[in-house]
Protein backbone atom coordinates (compact mmCIF):
# COMPACT_ATOMS: atom_id res chain seq x y z
CA UNK A 1 0.10 0.27 0.02
CA UNK A 2 1.36 3.47 -0.54
CA UNK A 3 2.02 6.42 2.12
CA UNK A 4 1.11 9.63 0.70
CA UNK A 5 1.42 12.67 3.55
CA UNK A 6 1.04 16.28 1.57
CA UNK A 7 3.41 18.78 3.59
CA UNK A 8 5.40 21.52 3.53
CA UNK A 9 9.06 21.28 2.44
CA UNK A 10 10.97 23.76 4.29
CA UNK A 11 14.50 24.85 4.04
CA UNK A 12 17.39 25.35 5.86
CA UNK A 13 18.90 28.49 7.59
CA UNK A 14 17.40 31.04 9.66
CA UNK A 15 13.45 29.80 9.16
CA UNK A 16 14.72 26.35 10.74
CA UNK A 17 16.74 28.05 13.10
CA UNK A 18 13.27 30.34 14.34
CA UNK A 19 11.27 27.47 13.41
CA UNK A 20 13.29 25.48 16.27
CA UNK A 21 13.86 27.94 18.79
CA UNK A 22 9.96 29.24 18.91
CA UNK A 23 9.22 25.40 19.70
CA UNK A 24 11.24 25.52 22.32
CA UNK A 25 11.26 28.88 24.22
CA UNK A 26 8.38 28.14 26.93
CA UNK A 27 9.60 24.95 27.53
CA UNK A 28 13.15 26.94 28.63
CA UNK A 29 11.41 29.07 30.43
CA UNK A 30 9.06 26.75 32.69
CA UNK A 31 11.88 23.94 33.58
CA UNK A 32 12.81 24.04 36.90
CA UNK A 33 15.88 22.13 37.25
CA UNK A 34 19.36 21.79 38.85
CA UNK A 35 21.71 22.73 36.25
CA UNK A 36 18.89 25.75 34.00
CA UNK A 37 21.34 26.50 32.26
CA UNK A 38 23.24 23.39 31.14
CA UNK A 39 19.48 21.96 31.01
CA UNK A 40 17.96 24.46 28.78
CA UNK A 41 17.25 24.01 24.89
CA UNK A 42 19.60 24.93 22.57
CA UNK A 43 18.96 27.60 20.11
CA UNK A 44 21.88 28.12 18.45
CA UNK A 45 23.29 25.88 16.14
CA UNK A 46 26.25 26.97 15.04
CA UNK A 47 28.33 25.50 17.52
CA UNK A 48 28.34 22.28 19.99
CA UNK A 49 26.72 22.79 23.19
CA UNK A 50 28.96 22.64 26.62
CA UNK A 51 29.90 19.30 27.59
CA UNK A 52 27.62 17.74 24.23
CA UNK A 53 30.75 15.20 23.64
CA UNK A 54 30.23 14.03 27.23
CA UNK A 55 26.92 11.64 26.73
CA UNK A 56 27.25 9.88 29.88
CA UNK A 57 28.53 12.49 31.23
CA UNK A 58 31.83 12.59 33.30
CA UNK A 59 31.27 9.23 33.31
CA UNK A 60 31.59 9.12 29.18
CA UNK A 61 33.74 6.20 27.93
CA UNK A 62 36.67 7.94 25.85
CA UNK A 63 38.08 3.67 25.40
CA UNK A 64 38.20 2.68 21.93
CA UNK A 65 35.23 2.30 19.68
CA UNK A 66 34.67 -0.55 18.02
CA UNK A 67 32.94 -3.61 18.49
CA UNK A 68 33.17 -3.25 21.56
CA UNK A 69 31.98 -0.32 22.63
CA UNK A 70 28.84 -0.38 24.37
CA UNK A 71 31.34 -2.39 27.14
CA UNK A 72 33.07 -0.31 28.66
CA UNK A 73 32.96 0.62 32.54
CA UNK A 74 31.74 4.21 33.30
CA UNK A 75 34.75 6.50 34.13
CA UNK A 76 33.40 7.49 37.55
CA UNK A 77 34.22 3.96 39.29
CA UNK A 78 37.25 3.28 41.11
CA UNK A 79 40.14 0.70 41.08
CA UNK A 80 37.35 -1.87 43.83
CA UNK A 81 34.43 -0.69 41.49
CA UNK A 82 36.03 -2.19 37.86
CA UNK A 83 36.90 -5.47 39.91
CA UNK A 84 33.29 -5.62 41.09
CA UNK A 85 32.43 -4.44 37.31
CA UNK A 86 34.56 -7.10 35.97
CA UNK A 87 32.43 -9.72 38.47
CA UNK A 88 29.39 -8.58 37.00
CA UNK A 89 30.76 -8.45 33.75
CA UNK A 90 31.65 -12.62 34.50
CA UNK A 91 27.64 -13.40 35.26
CA UNK A 92 26.64 -11.51 32.54
CA UNK A 93 28.57 -13.82 30.34
CA UNK A 94 27.62 -16.70 32.00
CA UNK A 95 26.25 -19.90 30.72
CA UNK A 96 24.17 -21.43 32.74
CA UNK A 97 22.90 -25.23 32.77
CA UNK A 98 20.18 -27.95 34.25
CA UNK A 99 19.65 -28.88 37.36
CA UNK A 100 21.58 -30.66 38.94
CA UNK A 101 24.67 -29.90 38.18
CA UNK A 102 28.67 -29.72 39.41
CA UNK A 103 28.70 -26.11 38.58
CA UNK A 104 25.81 -25.24 41.27
CA UNK A 105 26.64 -21.64 41.38
CA UNK A 106 25.42 -21.60 37.63
CA UNK A 107 22.89 -24.13 37.62
CA UNK A 108 18.92 -24.32 37.69
CA UNK A 109 18.52 -23.15 33.65
CA UNK A 110 14.77 -24.03 32.46
CA UNK A 111 13.03 -25.98 32.03
CA UNK A 112 11.78 -23.49 29.20
CA UNK A 113 14.50 -20.62 28.55
CA UNK A 114 15.45 -18.19 25.20
CA UNK A 115 19.09 -18.22 25.69
CA UNK A 116 21.57 -19.24 27.97
CA UNK A 117 23.77 -15.79 29.30
CA UNK A 118 22.66 -12.09 29.62
CA UNK A 119 25.56 -11.85 27.10
CA UNK A 120 23.29 -14.48 24.30
CA UNK A 121 21.02 -11.42 23.51
CA UNK A 122 22.86 -8.74 24.65
CA UNK A 123 25.37 -9.32 22.13
CA UNK A 124 28.30 -6.95 22.85
CA UNK A 125 26.04 -4.51 24.91
CA UNK A 126 24.44 -4.04 21.66
CA UNK A 127 20.86 -4.48 20.44
CA UNK A 128 19.03 -7.80 19.63
CA UNK A 129 18.82 -8.44 15.42
CA UNK A 130 15.40 -9.66 13.89
CA UNK A 131 15.20 -13.70 12.48
CA UNK A 132 14.98 -13.46 8.29
CA UNK A 133 11.97 -13.10 6.33
CA UNK A 134 10.77 -17.26 6.64
CA UNK A 135 13.60 -18.20 9.19
CA UNK A 136 12.46 -19.61 13.03
CA UNK A 137 15.34 -19.35 14.79
CA UNK A 138 14.10 -16.30 17.06
CA UNK A 139 17.98 -15.59 18.83
CA UNK A 140 18.58 -11.99 21.07
CA UNK A 141 14.29 -11.34 20.17
CA UNK A 142 11.40 -11.94 22.40
CA UNK A 143 7.94 -12.70 23.10
CA UNK A 144 5.65 -11.34 25.08
CA UNK A 145 2.40 -13.15 24.82
CA UNK A 146 -0.96 -11.25 25.64
CA UNK A 147 -4.51 -11.89 25.46
CA UNK A 148 -7.09 -8.32 24.94
CA UNK A 149 -6.71 -7.22 28.34
CA UNK A 150 -3.27 -7.93 28.37
CA UNK A 151 -3.45 -11.02 30.19
CA UNK A 152 -0.80 -13.66 30.17
CA UNK A 153 -1.65 -16.67 28.22
CA UNK A 154 -3.05 -19.68 30.64
CA UNK A 155 -0.51 -21.81 29.17
CA UNK A 156 2.20 -20.42 27.86
CA UNK A 157 2.46 -17.90 30.50
CA UNK A 158 3.46 -14.20 29.87
CA UNK A 159 6.73 -14.76 27.26
CA UNK A 160 6.86 -17.61 24.26
CA UNK A 161 9.76 -19.45 25.23
CA UNK A 162 11.01 -21.57 22.03
CA UNK A 163 14.49 -23.47 23.74
CA UNK A 164 14.19 -26.30 26.89
CA UNK A 165 16.38 -28.17 28.30
CA UNK A 166 17.55 -31.64 27.93
CA UNK A 167 14.46 -34.48 28.22
CA UNK A 168 11.92 -30.84 27.32
CA UNK A 169 10.97 -29.35 24.19
CA UNK A 170 10.34 -26.20 23.59
CA UNK A 171 6.92 -24.30 24.10
CA UNK A 172 7.15 -24.28 19.92
CA UNK A 173 8.16 -22.36 16.92
CA UNK A 174 7.86 -18.96 15.26
CA UNK A 175 8.44 -18.61 12.02
CA UNK A 176 8.16 -14.71 10.46
CA UNK A 177 8.32 -13.90 6.44
CA UNK A 178 8.07 -9.81 5.91
CA UNK A 179 5.53 -7.58 4.12
CA UNK A 180 6.36 -4.43 1.33
CA UNK A 181 5.17 -2.06 2.68
CA UNK A 182 5.34 1.49 0.35
CA UNK A 183 6.37 4.68 1.43
CA UNK A 184 5.97 8.28 -0.98
CA UNK A 185 7.61 11.50 -0.28
CA UNK A 186 6.74 14.50 -1.14
CA UNK A 187 8.77 14.83 -3.52
CA UNK A 188 7.79 11.52 -5.04
CA UNK A 189 11.22 9.59 -3.61
CA UNK A 190 9.45 5.65 -2.58
CA UNK A 191 11.24 3.64 -0.16
CA UNK A 192 10.21 0.05 0.35
CA UNK A 193 9.23 -0.60 4.22
CA UNK A 194 8.24 -3.87 5.95
CA UNK A 195 6.21 -5.08 8.05
CA UNK A 196 6.35 -8.43 9.94
CA UNK A 197 4.16 -11.31 10.52
CA UNK A 198 4.12 -13.91 12.87
CA UNK A 199 3.26 -17.09 12.49
CA UNK A 200 3.16 -20.49 15.34
CA UNK A 201 2.87 -24.05 15.47
CA UNK A 202 1.84 -23.41 19.27
CA UNK A 203 -1.68 -23.41 20.43
CA UNK A 204 -2.17 -20.23 21.66
CA UNK A 205 -5.14 -19.47 23.97
CA UNK A 206 -8.33 -17.90 21.76
CA UNK A 207 -7.35 -13.92 21.24
CA UNK A 208 -3.56 -14.51 23.02
CA UNK A 209 -1.00 -12.27 20.14
CA UNK A 210 2.61 -13.12 19.95
CA UNK A 211 3.99 -9.74 20.76
CA UNK A 212 7.65 -9.48 19.29
CA UNK A 213 10.68 -7.94 21.28
CA UNK A 214 13.82 -7.73 20.54
CA UNK A 215 16.66 -6.91 23.31
CA UNK A 216 17.75 -3.32 23.67
CA UNK A 217 20.72 -2.10 23.69
CA UNK A 218 22.33 -1.68 27.94
CA UNK A 219 25.34 1.76 27.99
CA UNK A 220 23.54 3.92 30.71
CA UNK A 221 21.15 2.46 32.37
CA UNK A 222 22.36 3.68 36.24
CA UNK A 223 21.91 7.24 34.82
CA UNK A 224 18.38 6.29 33.95
CA UNK A 225 17.83 5.08 36.89
CA UNK A 226 19.33 7.99 38.72
CA UNK A 227 17.37 10.94 36.93
CA UNK A 228 14.78 12.72 39.41
CA UNK A 229 11.85 11.55 38.94
CA UNK A 230 10.23 14.80 38.61
CA UNK A 231 12.35 15.98 36.13
CA UNK A 232 10.04 12.81 34.21
CA UNK A 233 6.59 13.80 35.80
CA UNK A 234 7.12 17.56 34.60
CA UNK A 235 7.28 16.40 31.33
CA UNK A 236 4.34 14.24 30.98
CA UNK A 237 1.00 15.39 29.40
CA UNK A 238 -1.15 12.47 29.33
CA UNK A 239 -4.22 14.48 28.06
CA UNK A 240 -2.86 16.71 25.95
CA UNK A 241 -3.65 19.96 28.05
CA UNK A 242 -1.17 22.83 26.06
CA UNK A 243 -2.73 21.13 22.35
CA UNK A 244 0.53 20.05 20.46
CA UNK A 245 -0.72 17.07 19.63
CA UNK A 246 1.91 15.25 22.62
CA UNK A 247 0.30 12.88 25.53
CA UNK A 248 3.08 11.55 26.87
CA UNK A 249 2.05 9.89 30.23
CA UNK A 250 4.45 7.21 32.58
CA UNK A 251 3.31 4.00 33.53
CA UNK A 252 2.98 4.04 37.42
CA UNK A 253 4.43 0.23 38.47
CA UNK A 254 2.14 -2.26 40.80
CA UNK A 255 4.46 -0.88 43.87
CA UNK A 256 3.90 2.78 42.99
CA UNK A 257 7.85 3.08 40.95
CA UNK A 258 8.06 5.02 37.48
CA UNK A 259 8.38 2.45 34.35
CA UNK A 260 11.49 3.84 32.92
CA UNK A 261 12.74 0.31 31.19
CA UNK A 262 12.16 -1.98 29.11
CA UNK A 263 10.16 -1.42 25.50
CA UNK A 264 6.64 -0.82 27.33
CA UNK A 265 8.17 0.79 30.63
CA UNK A 266 8.06 -2.45 32.66
CA UNK A 267 10.23 -2.04 35.38
CA UNK A 268 11.76 0.42 37.42
CA UNK A 269 15.05 -0.14 38.34
CA UNK A 270 18.12 -1.90 36.92
CA UNK A 271 17.83 -4.94 39.35
CA UNK A 272 14.40 -5.46 38.76
CA UNK A 273 15.07 -5.32 34.52
CA UNK A 274 18.32 -8.11 35.68
CA UNK A 275 16.05 -9.97 37.98
CA UNK A 276 12.88 -9.91 35.31
CA UNK A 277 15.31 -11.40 32.64
CA UNK A 278 16.06 -13.74 34.84
CA UNK A 279 12.91 -15.27 35.52
CA UNK A 280 11.71 -14.87 32.05
CA UNK A 281 14.08 -15.52 29.61
CA UNK A 282 16.17 -17.96 31.26
CA UNK A 283 13.44 -19.24 34.44
CA UNK A 284 16.07 -18.59 37.06
CA UNK A 285 14.56 -17.47 40.14
CA UNK A 286 16.24 -14.11 41.76
CA UNK A 287 15.24 -13.10 45.50
CA UNK A 288 12.93 -10.86 43.83
CA UNK A 289 11.00 -13.65 41.30
CA UNK A 290 11.58 -16.53 43.70
CA UNK A 291 9.50 -18.78 41.76
CA UNK A 292 11.91 -21.93 40.86
CA UNK A 293 10.59 -22.57 37.42
CA UNK A 294 9.89 -18.96 36.37
CA UNK A 295 7.24 -18.78 34.00
CA UNK A 296 5.62 -22.31 33.80
CA UNK A 297 1.95 -21.58 34.29
CA UNK A 298 0.05 -24.60 36.71
CA UNK A 299 -0.87 -25.71 33.21
CA UNK A 300 2.41 -27.45 32.14
CA UNK A 301 3.11 -29.71 35.60
CA UNK A 302 5.81 -31.57 34.22
CA UNK A 303 8.18 -27.76 34.03
CA UNK A 304 6.81 -26.99 37.02
CA UNK A 305 7.71 -30.81 38.60
CA UNK A 306 11.79 -30.53 37.09
CA UNK A 307 14.99 -30.86 38.83
CA UNK A 308 16.10 -26.78 40.13
CA UNK A 309 18.77 -24.97 41.00
CA UNK A 310 17.29 -23.66 44.74
CA UNK A 311 19.46 -25.33 46.54
CA UNK A 312 18.47 -25.80 51.23
CA UNK A 313 15.73 -22.87 49.86
CA UNK A 314 17.80 -20.24 48.01
CA UNK A 315 17.06 -18.51 45.10
CA UNK A 316 19.26 -19.85 41.40
CA UNK A 317 21.14 -16.88 41.31
CA UNK A 318 22.00 -15.40 44.33
CA UNK A 319 21.45 -12.14 45.56
CA UNK A 320 25.53 -11.66 45.40
CA UNK A 321 25.37 -12.93 41.69
CA UNK A 322 22.51 -10.39 41.40
CA UNK A 323 23.85 -7.58 42.71
CA UNK A 324 27.08 -7.75 40.72
CA UNK A 325 25.12 -8.01 37.75
CA UNK A 326 22.48 -5.01 38.39
CA UNK A 327 26.33 -2.78 38.69
CA UNK A 328 27.20 -4.41 36.08
CA UNK A 329 24.29 -3.59 33.50
CA UNK A 330 24.20 0.50 35.50
CA UNK A 331 27.51 1.24 35.23
CA UNK A 332 27.98 0.37 31.24
CA UNK A 333 29.03 3.19 29.61
CA UNK A 334 27.95 5.83 27.30
CA UNK A 335 30.64 6.58 24.39
CA UNK A 336 31.78 10.01 23.36
CA UNK A 337 30.02 11.53 20.61
CA UNK A 338 31.50 11.72 17.72
CA UNK A 339 31.41 14.61 15.13
CA UNK A 340 30.04 17.29 16.92
CA UNK A 341 31.18 20.43 15.69
CA UNK A 342 31.06 19.08 12.15
CA UNK A 343 28.48 21.78 10.02
CA UNK A 344 26.47 18.53 8.41
CA UNK A 345 25.89 17.15 11.87
CA UNK A 346 24.81 20.69 13.47
CA UNK A 347 22.69 21.43 10.68
CA UNK A 348 20.98 17.82 10.88
CA UNK A 349 20.86 18.44 14.23
CA UNK A 350 18.77 22.17 13.83
CA UNK A 351 16.41 20.14 11.14
CA UNK A 352 15.72 17.32 14.40
CA UNK A 353 14.90 20.10 16.77
CA UNK A 354 12.88 21.98 14.04
CA UNK A 355 10.51 18.63 12.45
CA UNK A 356 9.75 18.48 16.64
CA UNK A 357 11.96 15.31 17.29
CA UNK A 358 12.77 16.47 20.94
CA UNK A 359 8.62 16.62 21.82
CA UNK A 360 9.64 12.96 22.96
CA UNK A 361 13.07 12.28 22.47
CA UNK A 362 14.40 14.98 24.95
CA UNK A 363 18.22 15.16 25.18
CA UNK A 364 19.28 16.52 28.39
CA UNK A 365 18.48 15.71 31.58
CA UNK A 366 20.07 15.72 34.90
CA UNK A 367 20.96 12.86 37.52
CA UNK A 368 20.35 12.99 41.11
CA UNK A 369 21.59 14.02 44.59
CA UNK A 370 20.22 10.93 45.95
CA UNK A 371 21.41 8.08 43.84
CA UNK A 372 25.48 6.93 43.86
CA UNK A 373 28.14 9.26 43.67
CA UNK A 374 29.40 7.59 40.51
CA UNK A 375 26.53 8.75 38.99
CA UNK A 376 24.76 11.53 41.09
CA UNK A 377 24.61 15.60 39.26
CA UNK A 378 25.29 14.66 36.00
CA UNK A 379 24.19 16.00 32.77
CA UNK A 380 23.53 13.12 30.94
CA UNK A 381 22.07 13.59 26.90
CA UNK A 382 19.88 10.41 25.98
CA UNK A 383 17.69 11.63 23.82
CA UNK A 384 14.20 10.56 25.41
CA UNK A 385 11.66 11.36 27.77
CA UNK A 386 11.24 8.27 29.52
CA UNK A 387 7.07 8.62 28.90
CA UNK A 388 4.53 5.93 27.01
CA UNK A 389 3.41 7.44 23.64
CA UNK A 390 1.11 6.27 21.05
CA UNK A 391 2.70 5.92 17.78
CA UNK A 392 0.06 4.55 16.19
CA UNK A 393 -1.84 1.06 14.32
CA UNK A 394 1.50 1.13 12.30
CA UNK A 395 3.67 -0.17 14.77
CA UNK A 396 1.47 -1.52 17.71
CA UNK A 397 1.63 -4.80 19.03
CA UNK A 398 -1.85 -7.08 18.98
CA UNK A 399 -2.98 -7.09 22.40
CA UNK A 400 -1.58 -4.55 25.32
CA UNK A 401 1.32 -4.82 27.81
CA UNK A 402 -0.51 -5.33 31.25
CA UNK A 403 -2.40 -2.08 32.13
CA UNK A 404 -0.45 -0.36 28.56
CA UNK A 405 -1.81 -0.07 25.09
CA UNK A 406 -0.54 -1.70 22.46
CA UNK A 407 -0.04 0.96 20.14
CA UNK A 408 1.96 3.42 23.63
CA UNK A 409 5.57 2.40 23.40
CA UNK A 410 8.51 4.61 25.97
CA UNK A 411 10.93 6.40 23.86
CA UNK A 412 14.01 4.57 23.98
CA UNK A 413 17.38 6.53 24.05
CA UNK A 414 19.27 7.20 21.07
CA UNK A 415 22.71 7.35 22.74
CA UNK A 416 25.13 5.33 21.09
CA UNK A 417 22.41 5.34 18.08
CA UNK A 418 25.11 5.24 15.96
CA UNK A 419 27.42 2.96 16.38
CA UNK A 420 24.60 0.25 16.01
CA UNK A 421 25.91 -1.20 13.11
CA UNK A 422 29.70 -1.47 14.98
CA UNK A 423 28.41 -3.06 18.28
CA UNK A 424 25.91 -5.27 16.75
CA UNK A 425 26.76 -5.82 13.19
CA UNK A 426 23.59 -5.30 11.40
CA UNK A 427 21.40 -1.63 10.77
CA UNK A 428 17.72 -3.01 12.84
CA UNK A 429 15.82 -0.73 14.73
CA UNK A 430 12.59 -0.19 16.76
CA UNK A 431 10.95 -2.90 19.20
CA UNK A 432 10.72 -5.79 16.32
CA UNK A 433 13.57 -4.65 14.42
CA UNK A 434 11.67 -4.20 11.06
CA UNK A 435 13.30 -0.77 10.40
CA UNK A 436 16.80 -1.88 8.15
CA UNK A 437 17.85 1.84 8.56
CA UNK A 438 17.36 4.78 10.58
CA UNK A 439 15.18 6.27 7.95
CA UNK A 440 12.78 3.92 8.20
CA UNK A 441 12.57 3.51 11.86
CA UNK A 442 11.06 7.18 11.31
CA UNK A 443 9.05 6.61 8.31
CA UNK A 444 7.10 4.18 10.70
CA UNK A 445 6.66 6.73 13.40
CA UNK A 446 2.49 7.19 13.49
CA UNK A 447 -0.10 8.66 16.42
CA UNK A 448 1.77 11.53 18.50
CA UNK A 449 5.29 11.38 16.55
CA UNK A 450 2.97 11.62 12.81
CA UNK A 451 3.53 15.48 12.40
CA UNK A 452 7.46 14.76 13.05
CA UNK A 453 7.55 12.31 10.37
CA UNK A 454 5.84 14.17 8.46
CA UNK A 455 8.45 17.02 9.11
CA UNK A 456 11.59 14.70 8.13
CA UNK A 457 9.45 13.97 4.92
CA UNK A 458 8.82 17.26 4.02
CA UNK A 459 12.82 18.61 4.11
CA UNK A 460 15.14 18.45 1.16
CA UNK A 461 16.77 14.79 0.31
CA UNK A 462 19.82 16.83 0.96
CA UNK A 463 17.92 17.86 4.27
CA UNK A 464 17.21 14.35 5.41
CA UNK A 465 20.14 12.97 5.26
CA UNK A 466 22.12 15.80 7.30
CA UNK A 467 19.35 14.51 9.96
CA UNK A 468 20.19 10.78 10.20
CA UNK A 469 24.09 12.35 9.87
CA UNK A 470 23.07 13.70 13.06
CA UNK A 471 21.45 10.48 14.38
CA UNK A 472 24.76 8.51 13.22
CA UNK A 473 26.57 10.80 15.54
CA UNK A 474 24.85 10.28 18.39
């Protein structure tokens, strides 16, 4: 099908800069931040901003830019903390095995699982990749299960697990095929996008759908947790009271915490995110999720009675291991920006602001005072507001995730996005990896982001290229 969007073609120059300044001036005037001057949205696109190179604050890594760029510790860690980071890295890379095993410290995997290690999905600390057309190999890609009310499948639970230990068979296989969707720019240029269609041989309950999830990149997680909650909430506008078409909302969790992590903002801390991954992806218990057989339901009796690694009533991932991998995950450094003073990058930045992308992809935040010393009082550049936004039916899950609608997504951070090919070996973006480039990712934006998408589409071809050049500098 063809998607056509008649929009105004914008030219770069004083008009663009004025648009960006006008769109952000009200926010600059009303925001009350500890570092108000540094955090105010820029109106000067002729040169880099102060500290713009240091995306992750003073913890930004200047280590080598190669495949390991997302694997370095924060520059703020002490020698003792670096040793703890290294221990956490070992747990992150550890391949778990079925119980009983002579390696008691790493047994208890399964019976059903998606990966044997954290590294198995978050390769090099980067994002996962989707399967090829017609493939059934779902490495680094997961599928959440829910019905029309957001409830799990009564047999398979919250997450489909396609792998199993010896003596068991995975819950089934999933196959993907891609449909072509044509997008036509106002200047007549055509881009063929792709939409994934999933099928399974598993007998899911009526109304239960497969909702895909690519493993996200890992950098800067501790900094995200350290952002003052008031900063995030100050940007929420669930009823679009200001009439700008952007109605981001905070996601409050059952324990009263603010959701900050995951594609649907379903966890509030790095430790909870780590424990949930152990539970759902590897069927390993922790003090936070103590069931020894992970997501096995009461309908899966053989799964619930299988051998497990909860020795003497202790969880399979003991408190020390969970603390260690959480510390590691929280302190994976954000790499330094490249080319911040490149005229083409600055041009693309001005266009990014002018298009309205910063309404959701908020460039700067400050971390709070009530957090770990290595994380506190930092100006960081994640390019996210960490709120839920409705991105329209084109990107929507088939069914809700709990109380989060299928079309709602947490704004993903953009820092490091230009290093995806180097770190992960691909350029697949969005929650299901359907976008094969940043351009395709932008063109899939709808709902609250439709206006920004149409502004991008209306730019001259060379200006669209400049905006993409800016994104690749992050």
